[in-house]
Amino acid sequence: MAKSEVSEVTARTLASGGLLVKLYFDMQSEKAEELQPLMADLINERLLKSPGVIYAAGSIDDPMKLEDVYSTNAIVTVLFNDLGALIHVVFNFSPVGIEVLKPEGDYVIKAGHLNSILVSLSQISSEYSKYILTKVLKGEELEKINKELKLREEMGRRALKDSSGKPSEEKSL
């Protein structure tokens, strides 16, 4: 994309609720030669392909030796189409730092969109909890937790229905 196209896409996305954010990542390994390809994969194959990411541009530092491991950092500027997309990336990729560049003033979010984000966060949290619990619990304890999670899922579906009985519009992160 040419510089003018990037500026145009950025302005249009920000005007419709987007965010321009600088994300800071770090990574360690015992092998220096692994770090830059792993960080490039994180950015190009995972971050850039995340839902709601419009573009990502950044740089990866050369690895440096820290005691018995090597470490590298990356600073990536990312344009997100909305707050939900940013939350999804932060939750799934755990950057060590986050800096919102734009908008510079207030950020307004509609109640319906906030509801969608909060439901998605609850689902993500539930999925992580389920993953952790299935790795720790065995037998009857695991069976009991799975039943409770299915009941919770059903209750969540019911809560999403509007007064007409139709499912509310869901937007995944």
Protein backbone atom coordinates (compact mmCIF):
# COMPACT_ATOMS: atom_id res chain seq x y z
CA MET A 1 0.00 0.00 0.00
CA ALA A 2 1.26 3.47 -0.86
CA LYS A 3 1.64 5.98 1.97
CA SER A 4 -1.41 7.98 0.83
CA GLU A 5 -3.50 4.78 0.72
CA VAL A 6 -2.41 3.88 4.26
CA SER A 7 -3.36 7.38 5.47
CA GLU A 8 -6.73 7.11 3.74
CA VAL A 9 -7.50 3.66 5.16
CA THR A 10 -6.38 4.78 8.61
CA ALA A 11 -8.55 7.91 8.58
CA ARG A 12 -11.59 6.01 7.32
CA THR A 13 -11.15 3.24 9.93
CA LEU A 14 -10.63 5.69 12.79
CA ALA A 15 -13.74 7.62 11.76
CA SER A 16 -15.80 4.43 12.04
CA GLY A 17 -14.55 3.41 15.50
CA GLY A 18 -11.12 1.99 14.72
CA LEU A 19 -7.99 2.29 16.83
CA LEU A 20 -4.34 2.75 15.91
CA VAL A 21 -2.24 1.02 18.56
CA LYS A 22 1.42 0.32 19.16
CA LEU A 23 2.02 -3.17 20.59
CA TYR A 24 5.27 -4.25 22.22
CA PHE A 25 6.25 -7.93 22.18
CA ASP A 26 9.16 -9.84 23.65
CA MET A 27 10.34 -13.39 23.14
CA GLN A 28 13.11 -15.55 24.58
CA SER A 29 14.86 -18.70 23.41
CA GLU A 30 18.04 -20.63 24.06
CA LYS A 31 18.79 -20.36 20.32
CA ALA A 32 19.31 -16.87 18.90
CA GLU A 33 18.60 -17.98 15.32
CA GLU A 34 15.04 -19.06 16.26
CA LEU A 35 13.88 -15.72 17.60
CA GLN A 36 13.44 -13.51 14.55
CA PRO A 37 11.62 -16.18 12.49
CA LEU A 38 9.34 -16.93 15.46
CA MET A 39 8.57 -13.25 16.01
CA ALA A 40 8.00 -12.72 12.27
CA ASP A 41 5.58 -15.67 12.31
CA LEU A 42 3.73 -14.20 15.28
CA ILE A 43 3.30 -10.89 13.47
CA ASN A 44 2.79 -11.99 9.86
CA GLU A 45 0.93 -15.27 10.25
CA ARG A 46 -1.02 -14.79 13.47
CA LEU A 47 -1.41 -11.13 14.43
CA LEU A 48 -1.93 -9.81 10.92
CA LYS A 49 -4.51 -12.53 10.20
CA SER A 50 -6.52 -11.90 13.39
CA PRO A 51 -10.12 -10.78 12.91
CA GLY A 52 -10.43 -7.00 12.83
CA VAL A 53 -6.77 -6.27 12.08
CA ILE A 54 -6.57 -3.93 9.08
CA TYR A 55 -2.79 -3.68 8.87
CA ALA A 56 0.33 -4.14 10.99
CA ALA A 57 3.79 -2.66 10.48
CA GLY A 58 6.79 -2.80 12.72
CA SER A 59 10.30 -3.91 13.41
CA ILE A 60 12.01 -6.79 15.19
CA ASP A 61 15.21 -6.16 17.16
CA ASP A 62 18.26 -8.34 16.76
CA PRO A 63 18.47 -10.99 19.47
CA MET A 64 20.73 -10.26 22.42
CA LYS A 65 22.16 -12.55 25.07
CA LEU A 66 20.64 -12.26 28.55
CA GLU A 67 22.26 -14.63 31.02
CA ASP A 68 21.46 -18.11 29.65
CA VAL A 69 18.88 -17.14 26.99
CA TYR A 70 18.54 -14.86 24.01
CA SER A 71 15.85 -12.22 23.83
CA THR A 72 14.30 -10.09 21.13
CA ASN A 73 11.63 -7.40 21.01
CA ALA A 74 9.22 -6.17 18.39
CA ILE A 75 7.29 -2.92 18.17
CA VAL A 76 4.28 -3.20 15.90
CA THR A 77 1.82 -0.48 14.94
CA VAL A 78 -1.59 -2.05 14.28
CA LEU A 79 -4.80 -0.59 12.91
CA PHE A 80 -7.86 -2.32 14.42
CA ASN A 81 -11.38 -1.93 13.10
CA ASP A 82 -12.78 -1.73 16.64
CA LEU A 83 -12.14 -2.21 20.34
CA GLY A 84 -13.27 -5.84 20.22
CA ALA A 85 -10.53 -6.71 17.74
CA LEU A 86 -7.92 -5.03 19.96
CA ILE A 87 -9.13 -6.91 23.03
CA HIS A 88 -9.00 -10.19 21.09
CA VAL A 89 -5.37 -9.60 20.10
CA VAL A 90 -4.32 -8.46 23.57
CA PHE A 91 -5.96 -11.48 25.20
CA ASN A 92 -4.52 -13.99 22.72
CA PHE A 93 -1.01 -12.61 22.11
CA SER A 94 -0.18 -10.97 25.47
CA PRO A 95 1.92 -8.02 24.38
CA VAL A 96 4.22 -6.67 27.12
CA GLY A 97 3.12 -3.11 26.34
CA ILE A 98 0.23 -1.32 24.65
CA GLU A 99 0.03 2.30 23.56
CA VAL A 100 -3.12 3.72 21.95
CA LEU A 101 -1.95 6.24 19.35
CA LYS A 102 -5.32 7.21 17.89
CA PRO A 103 -7.90 8.35 18.60
CA GLU A 104 -6.15 10.90 20.78
CA GLY A 105 -9.29 12.09 22.57
CA ASP A 106 -12.33 10.27 23.83
CA TYR A 107 -13.33 6.93 22.39
CA VAL A 108 -17.06 6.42 22.13
CA ILE A 109 -18.53 2.95 22.05
CA LYS A 110 -22.17 2.05 21.54
CA ALA A 111 -23.84 0.02 24.29
CA GLY A 112 -24.71 -2.81 21.87
CA HIS A 113 -21.10 -3.11 20.78
CA LEU A 114 -19.92 -3.03 24.39
CA ASN A 115 -22.38 -5.84 25.22
CA SER A 116 -20.98 -7.89 22.35
CA ILE A 117 -17.40 -7.33 23.53
CA LEU A 118 -18.24 -8.29 27.10
CA VAL A 119 -20.03 -11.48 26.03
CA SER A 120 -17.06 -12.41 23.84
CA LEU A 121 -14.67 -11.78 26.75
CA SER A 122 -16.79 -14.01 28.93
CA GLN A 123 -16.67 -16.75 26.26
CA ILE A 124 -12.89 -16.43 25.88
CA SER A 125 -12.44 -16.59 29.64
CA SER A 126 -14.69 -19.63 29.84
CA GLU A 127 -12.78 -21.39 27.06
CA TYR A 128 -9.43 -20.76 28.80
CA SER A 129 -10.84 -21.93 32.12
CA LYS A 130 -12.21 -25.07 30.48
CA TYR A 131 -8.84 -25.76 28.83
CA ILE A 132 -6.97 -25.36 32.10
CA LEU A 133 -9.46 -27.42 34.06
CA THR A 134 -9.45 -30.28 31.53
CA LYS A 135 -5.66 -30.46 31.88
CA VAL A 136 -5.80 -30.53 35.68
CA LEU A 137 -9.00 -32.41 36.55
CA LYS A 138 -9.73 -36.07 35.88
CA GLY A 139 -12.69 -38.47 36.09
CA GLU A 140 -15.80 -37.40 37.96
CA GLU A 141 -14.46 -33.91 38.71
CA LEU A 142 -13.92 -33.26 35.00
CA GLU A 143 -17.35 -34.64 34.11
CA LYS A 144 -18.99 -32.37 36.70
CA ILE A 145 -17.16 -29.27 35.39
CA ASN A 146 -18.12 -30.12 31.78
CA LYS A 147 -21.81 -30.37 32.78
CA GLU A 148 -21.59 -27.01 34.58
CA LEU A 149 -19.94 -25.39 31.56
CA LYS A 150 -22.66 -26.71 29.22
CA LEU A 151 -25.35 -25.32 31.52
CA ARG A 152 -23.54 -21.98 31.63
CA GLU A 153 -23.33 -21.95 27.83
CA GLU A 154 -27.08 -22.57 27.57
CA MET A 155 -27.82 -19.82 30.09
CA GLY A 156 -25.65 -17.45 28.08
CA ARG A 157 -27.57 -18.25 24.89
CA ARG A 158 -30.84 -17.53 26.67
CA ALA A 159 -29.50 -14.24 28.01
CA LEU A 160 -28.60 -13.13 24.48
CA LYS A 161 -32.17 -13.46 23.21
CA ASP A 162 -34.03 -10.19 22.85
CA SER A 163 -37.62 -9.63 23.92
CA SER A 164 -38.96 -11.01 20.62
CA GLY A 165 -37.32 -14.36 21.29
CA LYS A 166 -34.85 -14.02 18.45
CA PRO A 167 -31.15 -14.44 19.18
CA SER A 168 -29.34 -11.14 19.53
CA GLU A 169 -26.76 -10.35 16.89
CA GLU A 170 -23.52 -11.83 18.12
CA LYS A 171 -20.16 -10.54 17.05
CA SER A 172 -17.15 -12.66 17.84
CA LEU A 173 -13.82 -11.12 18.69
